[in-house]
C-alpha cells in the first residue's frame, strides 16, 4: 500500500486536508510516520516495534460525550501508539469523504482531483481489515444524561466499555466549569482505556 504524505502546515503540523486522501480512510491525525511535533520535529518512534493498525468506527452524533471520546481516541492514540496506523471509519469522516467524492464527480475540479474523487468512492465501499477496531456509539438517555458504549474488537477477543454522565446545567459558572473539567477528564480516561484494550486485543 503506498504511503500517503499529508500536507504540512508552516510549523510542520499535519494539515486536516489529509482527511480527503484517496487511497485509504486515514484520519487527519494518522500516527504512523505522520505525526509532527511543533517546529517540525518528528515524534520519536521505535523502528523495531511491530507496526499494526487500529480502526475507529461508529456514530457519535449528536452526543457530546461520545463525540469527545471519538476525538480523544484519535489524539491520544497518536501520542501513545506512534507506530500504529489509524484508520478513521466514523460516520462524520465517512460523510465528509462522500461529500468530497460527490463534488469531484460534478465537473468542478481538475482531472487529477476528479480521478481522486473516483478512487475515494471506490474505497468508501470497502473497509480495510485492521488488527483491532474501536467502535463508538453514543446516545442520550433521560434528560441530559448521555451514554457512550465502546466495543473494542481484536484477534484476541473483545471488550465493552460503558460510561455515563449527567450534563445538566449546574446553575452557576463555577459549577459548570467543574462540569466541563469532569467531562474532559472522563472522555480522556475512557479513550485511553479503549486504546489500551485495542493494543492488548490486536
N, C-alpha and C. Protein backbone atom coordinates (compact mmCIF):
# COMPACT_ATOMS: atom_id res chain seq x y z
N UNK A 1 0.85 -1.18 0.00
CA UNK A 1 0.00 0.00 0.00
C UNK A 1 0.88 1.23 0.00
N UNK A 2 0.71 2.16 -0.91
CA UNK A 2 1.57 3.34 -0.98
C UNK A 2 1.37 4.26 0.21
N UNK A 3 2.45 4.89 0.63
CA UNK A 3 2.40 5.84 1.73
C UNK A 3 1.75 7.14 1.27
N UNK A 4 0.82 7.67 2.06
CA UNK A 4 0.21 8.95 1.74
C UNK A 4 0.86 10.00 2.62
N UNK A 5 1.39 11.04 2.04
CA UNK A 5 2.05 12.09 2.79
C UNK A 5 1.13 13.31 2.85
N UNK A 6 0.56 13.59 4.03
CA UNK A 6 -0.35 14.74 4.13
C UNK A 6 0.38 16.05 4.02
N UNK A 7 -0.38 17.09 3.68
CA UNK A 7 0.20 18.43 3.61
C UNK A 7 0.67 18.87 4.98
N UNK A 8 1.74 19.65 5.01
CA UNK A 8 2.26 20.16 6.28
C UNK A 8 1.98 21.64 6.40
N UNK A 9 1.67 22.07 7.60
CA UNK A 9 1.48 23.48 7.87
C UNK A 9 2.83 24.17 8.02
N UNK A 10 2.84 25.45 8.31
CA UNK A 10 4.08 26.22 8.38
C UNK A 10 5.04 25.75 9.47
N UNK A 11 4.53 25.09 10.53
CA UNK A 11 5.45 24.59 11.56
C UNK A 11 5.51 23.07 11.56
N UNK A 12 5.07 22.47 10.47
CA UNK A 12 5.23 21.04 10.31
C UNK A 12 4.07 20.19 10.79
N UNK A 13 3.00 20.80 11.28
CA UNK A 13 1.86 20.02 11.73
C UNK A 13 1.06 19.52 10.54
N UNK A 14 0.44 18.35 10.71
CA UNK A 14 -0.39 17.82 9.64
C UNK A 14 -1.56 18.74 9.35
N UNK A 15 -1.82 18.95 8.08
CA UNK A 15 -2.98 19.71 7.65
C UNK A 15 -4.18 18.77 7.63
N UNK A 16 -5.36 19.25 8.06
CA UNK A 16 -6.53 18.39 8.09
C UNK A 16 -7.01 18.00 6.70
N UNK A 17 -6.40 18.56 5.68
CA UNK A 17 -6.78 18.20 4.32
C UNK A 17 -6.48 16.74 4.03
N UNK A 18 -5.67 16.10 4.89
CA UNK A 18 -5.39 14.69 4.70
C UNK A 18 -6.65 13.85 4.81
N UNK A 19 -7.71 14.43 5.42
CA UNK A 19 -8.98 13.73 5.54
C UNK A 19 -9.49 13.28 4.18
N UNK A 20 -9.13 14.01 3.14
CA UNK A 20 -9.63 13.69 1.82
C UNK A 20 -8.71 12.82 1.00
N UNK A 21 -7.72 12.19 1.63
CA UNK A 21 -6.82 11.31 0.90
C UNK A 21 -7.59 10.24 0.17
N UNK A 22 -7.14 9.85 -1.01
CA UNK A 22 -7.97 8.98 -1.84
C UNK A 22 -7.67 7.50 -1.71
N UNK A 23 -6.52 7.11 -1.21
CA UNK A 23 -6.16 5.70 -1.22
C UNK A 23 -6.67 4.94 -0.01
N UNK A 24 -6.78 5.59 1.14
CA UNK A 24 -7.23 4.93 2.35
C UNK A 24 -8.02 5.90 3.20
N UNK A 25 -8.76 5.36 4.15
CA UNK A 25 -9.57 6.19 5.05
C UNK A 25 -8.70 6.60 6.23
N UNK A 26 -7.70 7.40 5.97
CA UNK A 26 -6.78 7.81 7.02
C UNK A 26 -7.32 9.03 7.74
N UNK A 27 -7.19 9.03 9.06
CA UNK A 27 -7.60 10.19 9.83
C UNK A 27 -6.61 11.32 9.62
N UNK A 28 -7.05 12.55 9.90
CA UNK A 28 -6.15 13.68 9.80
C UNK A 28 -5.08 13.66 10.88
N UNK A 29 -5.23 12.80 11.90
CA UNK A 29 -4.19 12.67 12.91
C UNK A 29 -3.52 11.31 12.81
N UNK A 30 -3.44 10.78 11.60
CA UNK A 30 -2.81 9.48 11.39
C UNK A 30 -1.44 9.44 12.05
N UNK A 31 -1.17 8.36 12.79
CA UNK A 31 0.02 8.35 13.64
C UNK A 31 1.28 7.87 12.92
N UNK A 32 1.20 6.79 12.16
CA UNK A 32 2.40 6.15 11.64
C UNK A 32 3.18 7.04 10.69
N UNK A 33 4.34 7.50 11.12
CA UNK A 33 5.25 8.33 10.33
C UNK A 33 4.65 9.66 9.90
N UNK A 34 3.55 10.07 10.50
CA UNK A 34 2.91 11.30 10.04
C UNK A 34 2.65 12.32 11.14
N UNK A 35 3.01 11.99 12.35
CA UNK A 35 2.83 12.97 13.42
C UNK A 35 4.07 13.84 13.48
N UNK A 36 3.88 15.13 13.56
CA UNK A 36 4.99 16.07 13.67
C UNK A 36 4.76 16.96 14.87
N UNK A 37 5.75 17.10 15.70
CA UNK A 37 5.66 18.00 16.85
C UNK A 37 5.83 19.44 16.37
N UNK A 38 5.53 20.44 17.23
CA UNK A 38 5.77 21.83 16.84
C UNK A 38 7.19 22.05 16.33
N UNK A 39 7.32 22.96 15.41
CA UNK A 39 8.58 23.31 14.74
C UNK A 39 9.09 22.19 13.83
N UNK A 40 8.21 21.25 13.50
CA UNK A 40 8.57 20.25 12.51
C UNK A 40 9.39 19.09 13.02
N UNK A 41 9.52 18.94 14.34
CA UNK A 41 10.30 17.83 14.88
C UNK A 41 9.45 16.58 14.87
N UNK A 42 9.97 15.51 14.30
CA UNK A 42 9.20 14.28 14.20
C UNK A 42 9.05 13.62 15.55
N UNK A 43 7.90 12.91 15.76
CA UNK A 43 7.71 12.19 17.01
C UNK A 43 8.66 11.01 17.07
N UNK A 44 9.10 10.67 18.27
CA UNK A 44 10.03 9.56 18.45
C UNK A 44 9.30 8.25 18.28
N UNK A 45 9.90 7.31 17.55
CA UNK A 45 9.30 6.00 17.35
C UNK A 45 10.36 4.93 17.49
N UNK A 46 9.93 3.77 17.93
CA UNK A 46 10.83 2.62 17.99
C UNK A 46 10.74 1.93 16.63
N UNK A 47 11.77 2.07 15.83
CA UNK A 47 11.74 1.50 14.48
C UNK A 47 11.66 -0.02 14.50
N UNK A 48 12.03 -0.62 15.62
CA UNK A 48 11.99 -2.09 15.72
C UNK A 48 10.64 -2.60 16.22
N UNK A 49 9.77 -1.68 16.61
CA UNK A 49 8.46 -2.09 17.14
C UNK A 49 7.61 -2.68 16.02
N UNK A 50 6.79 -3.68 16.38
CA UNK A 50 5.89 -4.28 15.41
C UNK A 50 4.82 -3.25 15.05
N UNK A 51 4.67 -2.97 13.79
CA UNK A 51 3.70 -1.98 13.35
C UNK A 51 2.38 -2.68 13.03
N UNK A 52 1.30 -2.07 13.46
CA UNK A 52 -0.02 -2.64 13.24
C UNK A 52 -1.02 -1.52 13.03
N UNK A 53 -2.27 -1.89 12.82
CA UNK A 53 -3.29 -0.87 12.52
C UNK A 53 -4.50 -1.03 13.42
N UNK A 54 -5.12 0.11 13.71
CA UNK A 54 -6.35 0.16 14.50
C UNK A 54 -7.34 1.05 13.77
N UNK A 55 -8.58 0.61 13.66
CA UNK A 55 -9.61 1.45 13.05
C UNK A 55 -10.54 1.96 14.15
N UNK A 56 -11.11 3.11 13.89
CA UNK A 56 -12.13 3.67 14.78
C UNK A 56 -13.38 3.85 13.95
N UNK A 57 -14.50 3.36 14.45
CA UNK A 57 -15.75 3.41 13.68
C UNK A 57 -16.90 3.76 14.62
N UNK A 58 -18.09 3.91 14.03
CA UNK A 58 -19.27 4.18 14.82
C UNK A 58 -19.89 5.52 14.50
N UNK A 59 -20.90 5.85 15.30
CA UNK A 59 -21.69 7.06 15.06
C UNK A 59 -21.85 7.79 16.38
N UNK A 60 -21.18 8.93 16.53
CA UNK A 60 -21.20 9.64 17.80
C UNK A 60 -22.15 10.82 17.82
N UNK A 61 -22.69 11.23 16.70
CA UNK A 61 -23.58 12.40 16.67
C UNK A 61 -24.95 12.05 17.21
N UNK A 62 -25.63 12.96 17.87
CA UNK A 62 -25.21 14.32 18.24
C UNK A 62 -24.83 14.40 19.73
N UNK A 63 -24.24 13.35 20.27
CA UNK A 63 -23.98 13.24 21.70
C UNK A 63 -22.58 13.75 22.05
N UNK A 64 -22.52 14.77 22.90
CA UNK A 64 -21.24 15.41 23.21
C UNK A 64 -20.25 14.44 23.84
N UNK A 65 -20.71 13.59 24.75
CA UNK A 65 -19.82 12.66 25.45
C UNK A 65 -19.09 11.75 24.46
N UNK A 66 -19.83 11.15 23.55
CA UNK A 66 -19.19 10.23 22.61
C UNK A 66 -18.39 10.96 21.54
N UNK A 67 -18.79 12.17 21.17
CA UNK A 67 -18.01 12.95 20.21
C UNK A 67 -16.62 13.24 20.78
N UNK A 68 -16.57 13.61 22.05
CA UNK A 68 -15.27 13.91 22.67
C UNK A 68 -14.43 12.65 22.84
N UNK A 69 -15.07 11.53 23.17
CA UNK A 69 -14.33 10.27 23.27
C UNK A 69 -13.73 9.91 21.91
N UNK A 70 -14.53 10.09 20.86
CA UNK A 70 -14.07 9.80 19.50
C UNK A 70 -12.83 10.62 19.16
N UNK A 71 -12.86 11.90 19.43
CA UNK A 71 -11.70 12.76 19.16
C UNK A 71 -10.51 12.38 20.02
N UNK A 72 -10.76 12.08 21.30
CA UNK A 72 -9.66 11.74 22.20
C UNK A 72 -9.00 10.42 21.84
N UNK A 73 -9.78 9.46 21.31
CA UNK A 73 -9.18 8.19 20.89
C UNK A 73 -8.12 8.44 19.81
N UNK A 74 -8.45 9.29 18.85
CA UNK A 74 -7.51 9.58 17.78
C UNK A 74 -6.31 10.39 18.27
N UNK A 75 -6.57 11.41 19.07
CA UNK A 75 -5.49 12.28 19.55
C UNK A 75 -4.57 11.53 20.50
N UNK A 76 -5.16 10.86 21.52
CA UNK A 76 -4.34 10.13 22.49
C UNK A 76 -3.71 8.90 21.85
N UNK A 77 -4.42 8.28 20.91
CA UNK A 77 -3.86 7.10 20.22
C UNK A 77 -2.61 7.45 19.45
N UNK A 78 -2.63 8.61 18.79
CA UNK A 78 -1.46 9.06 18.03
C UNK A 78 -0.27 9.31 18.96
N UNK A 79 -0.55 9.80 20.16
CA UNK A 79 0.53 10.06 21.11
C UNK A 79 1.06 8.78 21.75
N UNK A 80 0.14 7.92 22.18
CA UNK A 80 0.53 6.73 22.94
C UNK A 80 1.09 5.62 22.08
N UNK A 81 0.58 5.50 20.85
CA UNK A 81 1.00 4.40 19.96
C UNK A 81 1.51 4.97 18.64
N UNK A 82 2.70 5.58 18.65
CA UNK A 82 3.19 6.25 17.45
C UNK A 82 3.51 5.32 16.28
N UNK A 83 3.64 4.01 16.54
CA UNK A 83 3.93 3.09 15.44
C UNK A 83 2.67 2.56 14.77
N UNK A 84 1.51 2.94 15.29
CA UNK A 84 0.24 2.43 14.77
C UNK A 84 -0.29 3.30 13.63
N UNK A 85 -0.87 2.66 12.63
CA UNK A 85 -1.60 3.36 11.59
C UNK A 85 -3.07 3.38 11.99
N UNK A 86 -3.64 4.58 12.08
CA UNK A 86 -5.04 4.73 12.48
C UNK A 86 -5.91 4.97 11.26
N UNK A 87 -7.01 4.24 11.16
CA UNK A 87 -7.98 4.41 10.08
C UNK A 87 -9.29 4.92 10.68
N UNK A 88 -9.79 6.02 10.14
CA UNK A 88 -10.99 6.65 10.67
C UNK A 88 -12.20 6.29 9.80
N UNK A 89 -13.05 5.41 10.32
CA UNK A 89 -14.27 5.00 9.61
C UNK A 89 -15.52 5.50 10.34
N UNK A 90 -15.36 6.53 11.15
CA UNK A 90 -16.52 7.07 11.85
C UNK A 90 -17.47 7.71 10.84
N UNK A 91 -18.71 7.85 11.25
CA UNK A 91 -19.72 8.39 10.33
C UNK A 91 -19.37 9.81 9.89
N UNK A 92 -18.86 10.62 10.82
CA UNK A 92 -18.53 12.01 10.47
C UNK A 92 -17.48 12.07 9.36
N UNK A 93 -16.43 11.27 9.50
CA UNK A 93 -15.38 11.28 8.48
C UNK A 93 -15.87 10.70 7.17
N UNK A 94 -16.63 9.61 7.25
CA UNK A 94 -17.13 8.97 6.03
C UNK A 94 -18.07 9.90 5.27
N UNK A 95 -18.94 10.61 5.99
CA UNK A 95 -19.85 11.55 5.32
C UNK A 95 -19.09 12.69 4.65
N UNK A 96 -18.02 13.15 5.30
CA UNK A 96 -17.20 14.21 4.70
C UNK A 96 -16.54 13.72 3.42
N UNK A 97 -16.07 12.49 3.43
CA UNK A 97 -15.44 11.92 2.24
C UNK A 97 -16.46 11.71 1.11
N UNK A 98 -17.67 11.31 1.49
CA UNK A 98 -18.73 11.14 0.48
C UNK A 98 -19.04 12.46 -0.20
N UNK A 99 -19.13 13.52 0.59
CA UNK A 99 -19.42 14.85 0.03
C UNK A 99 -18.33 15.29 -0.92
N UNK A 100 -17.09 15.03 -0.51
CA UNK A 100 -15.95 15.40 -1.36
C UNK A 100 -15.97 14.62 -2.68
N UNK A 101 -16.29 13.32 -2.58
CA UNK A 101 -16.33 12.49 -3.78
C UNK A 101 -17.45 12.94 -4.72
N UNK A 102 -18.59 13.30 -4.15
CA UNK A 102 -19.71 13.76 -4.98
C UNK A 102 -19.37 15.07 -5.70
N UNK A 103 -18.67 15.96 -5.00
CA UNK A 103 -18.25 17.21 -5.62
C UNK A 103 -17.30 16.94 -6.78
N UNK A 104 -16.43 15.96 -6.60
CA UNK A 104 -15.46 15.62 -7.65
C UNK A 104 -16.09 15.06 -8.90
N UNK A 105 -17.31 14.54 -8.79
CA UNK A 105 -17.96 13.97 -9.96
C UNK A 105 -18.87 14.94 -10.69
N UNK A 106 -18.86 16.21 -10.31
CA UNK A 106 -19.77 17.18 -10.92
C UNK A 106 -19.08 18.15 -11.87
N UNK A 107 -17.83 17.86 -12.20
CA UNK A 107 -17.13 18.68 -13.18
C UNK A 107 -16.57 19.99 -12.69
N UNK A 108 -16.51 20.18 -11.38
CA UNK A 108 -15.98 21.43 -10.84
C UNK A 108 -14.47 21.39 -10.61
N UNK A 109 -13.88 20.20 -10.62
CA UNK A 109 -12.48 20.06 -10.27
C UNK A 109 -11.63 19.74 -11.49
N UNK A 110 -10.31 19.82 -11.32
CA UNK A 110 -9.43 19.44 -12.42
C UNK A 110 -9.41 17.92 -12.57
N UNK A 111 -8.77 17.43 -13.63
CA UNK A 111 -8.81 16.00 -13.93
C UNK A 111 -8.20 15.15 -12.83
N UNK A 112 -7.10 15.63 -12.25
CA UNK A 112 -6.44 14.86 -11.19
C UNK A 112 -7.35 14.73 -9.96
N UNK A 113 -8.01 15.84 -9.61
CA UNK A 113 -8.91 15.81 -8.45
C UNK A 113 -10.13 14.94 -8.71
N UNK A 114 -10.63 14.96 -9.96
CA UNK A 114 -11.76 14.10 -10.30
C UNK A 114 -11.38 12.63 -10.22
N UNK A 115 -10.15 12.31 -10.64
CA UNK A 115 -9.68 10.93 -10.56
C UNK A 115 -9.58 10.49 -9.10
N UNK A 116 -9.12 11.38 -8.24
CA UNK A 116 -9.03 11.07 -6.82
C UNK A 116 -10.42 10.86 -6.22
N UNK A 117 -11.37 11.67 -6.67
CA UNK A 117 -12.75 11.53 -6.18
C UNK A 117 -13.32 10.17 -6.55
N UNK A 118 -13.01 9.69 -7.75
CA UNK A 118 -13.48 8.36 -8.18
C UNK A 118 -12.88 7.27 -7.31
N UNK A 119 -11.58 7.41 -6.99
CA UNK A 119 -10.93 6.41 -6.14
C UNK A 119 -11.49 6.46 -4.73
N UNK A 120 -11.84 7.67 -4.26
CA UNK A 120 -12.44 7.80 -2.94
C UNK A 120 -13.76 7.05 -2.89
N UNK A 121 -14.60 7.20 -3.93
CA UNK A 121 -15.88 6.50 -3.99
C UNK A 121 -15.68 4.98 -3.93
N UNK A 122 -14.67 4.53 -4.64
CA UNK A 122 -14.39 3.09 -4.66
C UNK A 122 -13.97 2.61 -3.28
N UNK A 123 -13.11 3.37 -2.61
CA UNK A 123 -12.60 2.96 -1.31
C UNK A 123 -13.65 3.06 -0.20
N UNK A 124 -14.65 3.92 -0.40
CA UNK A 124 -15.72 4.04 0.59
C UNK A 124 -16.55 2.77 0.68
N UNK A 125 -16.50 1.95 -0.36
CA UNK A 125 -17.30 0.74 -0.37
C UNK A 125 -16.66 -0.40 0.41
N UNK A 126 -15.38 -0.25 0.75
CA UNK A 126 -14.69 -1.31 1.48
C UNK A 126 -13.97 -0.74 2.69
N UNK A 127 -13.94 -1.52 3.74
CA UNK A 127 -13.26 -1.11 4.96
C UNK A 127 -12.02 -1.96 5.12
N UNK A 128 -10.88 -1.33 5.26
CA UNK A 128 -9.62 -2.06 5.39
C UNK A 128 -9.63 -2.91 6.66
N UNK A 129 -9.19 -4.15 6.53
CA UNK A 129 -9.09 -5.02 7.69
C UNK A 129 -7.94 -4.58 8.57
N UNK A 130 -8.23 -4.31 9.85
CA UNK A 130 -7.22 -3.85 10.78
C UNK A 130 -7.02 -4.87 11.89
N UNK A 131 -5.97 -4.69 12.66
CA UNK A 131 -5.67 -5.61 13.76
C UNK A 131 -6.66 -5.46 14.90
N UNK A 132 -7.26 -4.28 15.04
CA UNK A 132 -8.27 -4.04 16.08
C UNK A 132 -9.19 -2.92 15.63
N UNK A 133 -10.40 -2.92 16.17
CA UNK A 133 -11.36 -1.85 15.86
C UNK A 133 -11.96 -1.33 17.15
N UNK A 134 -12.06 0.00 17.23
CA UNK A 134 -12.71 0.66 18.36
C UNK A 134 -14.00 1.28 17.83
N UNK A 135 -15.12 0.71 18.21
CA UNK A 135 -16.42 1.20 17.72
C UNK A 135 -17.10 2.01 18.82
N UNK A 136 -17.51 3.23 18.49
CA UNK A 136 -18.08 4.15 19.46
C UNK A 136 -19.53 4.47 19.10
N UNK A 137 -20.42 4.24 20.05
CA UNK A 137 -21.83 4.56 19.85
C UNK A 137 -22.30 5.42 21.03
N UNK A 138 -22.92 6.55 20.73
CA UNK A 138 -23.39 7.43 21.78
C UNK A 138 -24.89 7.61 21.72
N UNK A 139 -25.50 7.83 22.88
CA UNK A 139 -26.93 8.12 22.90
C UNK A 139 -27.27 8.98 24.12
N UNK A 140 -28.37 9.68 24.01
CA UNK A 140 -28.86 10.49 25.12
C UNK A 140 -29.92 9.68 25.86
N UNK A 141 -29.76 9.57 27.16
CA UNK A 141 -30.73 8.86 27.98
C UNK A 141 -31.78 9.85 28.48
N UNK A 142 -32.25 9.71 29.68
CA UNK A 142 -33.27 10.61 30.21
C UNK A 142 -32.68 11.98 30.50
N UNK A 143 -33.37 13.03 30.07
CA UNK A 143 -32.89 14.38 30.33
C UNK A 143 -31.59 14.67 29.62
N UNK A 144 -30.60 15.12 30.40
CA UNK A 144 -29.29 15.47 29.84
C UNK A 144 -28.24 14.40 30.10
N UNK A 145 -28.68 13.23 30.54
CA UNK A 145 -27.73 12.14 30.79
C UNK A 145 -27.34 11.51 29.46
N UNK A 146 -26.04 11.44 29.23
CA UNK A 146 -25.53 10.85 27.98
C UNK A 146 -24.73 9.59 28.29
N UNK A 147 -24.73 8.69 27.33
CA UNK A 147 -24.02 7.42 27.49
C UNK A 147 -23.19 7.15 26.24
N UNK A 148 -22.00 6.62 26.45
CA UNK A 148 -21.18 6.16 25.33
C UNK A 148 -20.84 4.69 25.58
N UNK A 149 -21.02 3.90 24.54
CA UNK A 149 -20.67 2.48 24.60
C UNK A 149 -19.58 2.23 23.58
N UNK A 150 -18.46 1.69 24.03
CA UNK A 150 -17.32 1.43 23.16
C UNK A 150 -17.10 -0.07 23.10
N UNK A 151 -17.09 -0.61 21.91
CA UNK A 151 -16.78 -2.03 21.71
C UNK A 151 -15.42 -2.13 21.03
N UNK A 152 -14.50 -2.78 21.71
CA UNK A 152 -13.16 -2.96 21.17
C UNK A 152 -13.01 -4.41 20.75
N UNK A 153 -12.76 -4.62 19.45
CA UNK A 153 -12.60 -5.97 18.93
C UNK A 153 -11.20 -6.15 18.36
N UNK A 154 -10.62 -7.30 18.63
CA UNK A 154 -9.32 -7.64 18.07
C UNK A 154 -9.24 -9.13 17.83
N UNK A 155 -8.08 -9.59 17.40
CA UNK A 155 -7.92 -11.02 17.12
C UNK A 155 -7.93 -11.86 18.38
N UNK A 156 -7.73 -11.22 19.55
CA UNK A 156 -7.68 -11.95 20.81
C UNK A 156 -8.98 -11.83 21.60
N UNK A 157 -10.01 -11.25 20.99
CA UNK A 157 -11.29 -11.14 21.69
C UNK A 157 -11.88 -9.76 21.62
N UNK A 158 -12.83 -9.48 22.50
CA UNK A 158 -13.46 -8.17 22.52
C UNK A 158 -13.87 -7.79 23.93
N UNK A 159 -13.97 -6.47 24.16
CA UNK A 159 -14.44 -5.95 25.44
C UNK A 159 -15.41 -4.82 25.16
N UNK A 160 -16.27 -4.55 26.14
CA UNK A 160 -17.21 -3.44 26.03
C UNK A 160 -16.96 -2.48 27.19
N UNK A 161 -16.96 -1.19 26.88
CA UNK A 161 -16.74 -0.14 27.88
C UNK A 161 -17.93 0.81 27.82
N UNK A 162 -18.58 1.06 28.96
CA UNK A 162 -19.74 1.95 29.01
C UNK A 162 -19.49 3.05 30.03
N UNK A 163 -19.76 4.29 29.61
CA UNK A 163 -19.63 5.43 30.51
C UNK A 163 -20.88 6.30 30.38
N UNK A 164 -21.30 6.89 31.51
CA UNK A 164 -22.45 7.80 31.53
C UNK A 164 -22.06 9.08 32.24
N UNK A 165 -22.74 10.17 31.85
CA UNK A 165 -22.51 11.43 32.55
C UNK A 165 -23.74 12.33 32.41
N UNK A 166 -24.08 12.99 33.50
CA UNK A 166 -25.19 13.95 33.50
C UNK A 166 -24.63 15.32 33.14
N UNK A 167 -25.05 15.85 32.00
CA UNK A 167 -24.53 17.12 31.51
C UNK A 167 -25.50 18.29 31.75
N UNK A 168 -26.36 18.15 32.75
CA UNK A 168 -27.28 19.25 33.07
C UNK A 168 -26.52 20.47 33.56
N UNK A 169 -27.04 21.63 33.21
CA UNK A 169 -26.50 22.90 33.70
C UNK A 169 -26.54 22.88 35.23
N UNK A 170 -25.42 23.19 35.86
CA UNK A 170 -25.34 23.10 37.32
C UNK A 170 -25.68 24.41 38.02
N UNK A 171 -26.09 25.41 37.26
CA UNK A 171 -26.66 26.59 37.88
C UNK A 171 -25.77 27.79 38.05
N UNK A 172 -24.46 27.59 38.08
CA UNK A 172 -23.57 28.76 38.16
C UNK A 172 -22.28 28.48 37.40
N UNK A 173 -21.56 29.54 37.10
CA UNK A 173 -20.39 29.44 36.22
C UNK A 173 -19.31 28.53 36.81
N UNK A 174 -19.10 28.62 38.12
CA UNK A 174 -18.05 27.81 38.75
C UNK A 174 -18.36 26.32 38.65
N UNK A 175 -19.61 25.96 38.94
CA UNK A 175 -20.01 24.55 38.86
C UNK A 175 -20.01 24.05 37.43
N UNK A 176 -20.39 24.90 36.48
CA UNK A 176 -20.37 24.49 35.07
C UNK A 176 -18.95 24.31 34.56
N UNK A 177 -18.03 25.12 35.06
CA UNK A 177 -16.61 24.95 34.71
C UNK A 177 -16.11 23.61 35.24
N UNK A 178 -16.54 23.27 36.44
CA UNK A 178 -16.15 21.98 37.01
C UNK A 178 -16.75 20.83 36.21
N UNK A 179 -17.99 21.01 35.75
CA UNK A 179 -18.63 20.00 34.91
C UNK A 179 -17.82 19.78 33.64
N UNK A 180 -17.38 20.86 33.01
CA UNK A 180 -16.60 20.76 31.79
C UNK A 180 -15.27 20.04 32.05
N UNK A 181 -14.62 20.35 33.16
CA UNK A 181 -13.37 19.69 33.52
C UNK A 181 -13.58 18.20 33.78
N UNK A 182 -14.69 17.88 34.45
CA UNK A 182 -15.02 16.47 34.71
C UNK A 182 -15.27 15.72 33.41
N UNK A 183 -15.95 16.40 32.48
CA UNK A 183 -16.24 15.79 31.17
C UNK A 183 -14.94 15.52 30.42
N UNK A 184 -14.03 16.49 30.40
CA UNK A 184 -12.75 16.31 29.72
C UNK A 184 -11.97 15.15 30.33
N UNK A 185 -11.94 15.09 31.66
CA UNK A 185 -11.20 14.03 32.34
C UNK A 185 -11.80 12.66 32.03
N UNK A 186 -13.13 12.58 32.04
CA UNK A 186 -13.80 11.31 31.77
C UNK A 186 -13.55 10.84 30.34
N UNK A 187 -13.67 11.74 29.37
CA UNK A 187 -13.50 11.33 27.97
C UNK A 187 -12.06 10.90 27.70
N UNK A 188 -11.09 11.61 28.27
CA UNK A 188 -9.69 11.23 28.06
C UNK A 188 -9.39 9.87 28.68
N UNK A 189 -9.86 9.67 29.91
CA UNK A 189 -9.63 8.40 30.59
C UNK A 189 -10.30 7.25 29.83
N UNK A 190 -11.52 7.49 29.34
CA UNK A 190 -12.25 6.47 28.58
C UNK A 190 -11.53 6.14 27.29
N UNK A 191 -11.04 7.18 26.60
CA UNK A 191 -10.32 6.96 25.34
C UNK A 191 -9.06 6.13 25.57
N UNK A 192 -8.31 6.45 26.61
CA UNK A 192 -7.07 5.72 26.90
C UNK A 192 -7.38 4.27 27.25
N UNK A 193 -8.47 4.04 27.99
CA UNK A 193 -8.89 2.66 28.31
C UNK A 193 -9.17 1.88 27.03
N UNK A 194 -9.87 2.51 26.08
CA UNK A 194 -10.18 1.86 24.80
C UNK A 194 -8.92 1.59 23.98
N UNK A 195 -8.02 2.55 23.97
CA UNK A 195 -6.77 2.40 23.21
C UNK A 195 -5.94 1.25 23.75
N UNK A 196 -5.80 1.19 25.07
CA UNK A 196 -5.03 0.10 25.68
C UNK A 196 -5.68 -1.26 25.45
N UNK A 197 -7.02 -1.28 25.43
CA UNK A 197 -7.72 -2.53 25.14
C UNK A 197 -7.44 -2.98 23.70
N UNK A 198 -7.45 -2.02 22.76
CA UNK A 198 -7.15 -2.37 21.36
C UNK A 198 -5.74 -2.89 21.22
N UNK A 199 -4.80 -2.27 21.94
CA UNK A 199 -3.42 -2.73 21.88
C UNK A 199 -3.30 -4.16 22.42
N UNK A 200 -4.03 -4.43 23.50
CA UNK A 200 -3.97 -5.76 24.13
C UNK A 200 -4.63 -6.84 23.30
N UNK A 201 -5.72 -6.48 22.62
CA UNK A 201 -6.53 -7.48 21.90
C UNK A 201 -6.14 -7.63 20.43
N UNK A 202 -5.27 -6.82 19.92
CA UNK A 202 -4.95 -6.82 18.49
C UNK A 202 -4.45 -8.18 18.00
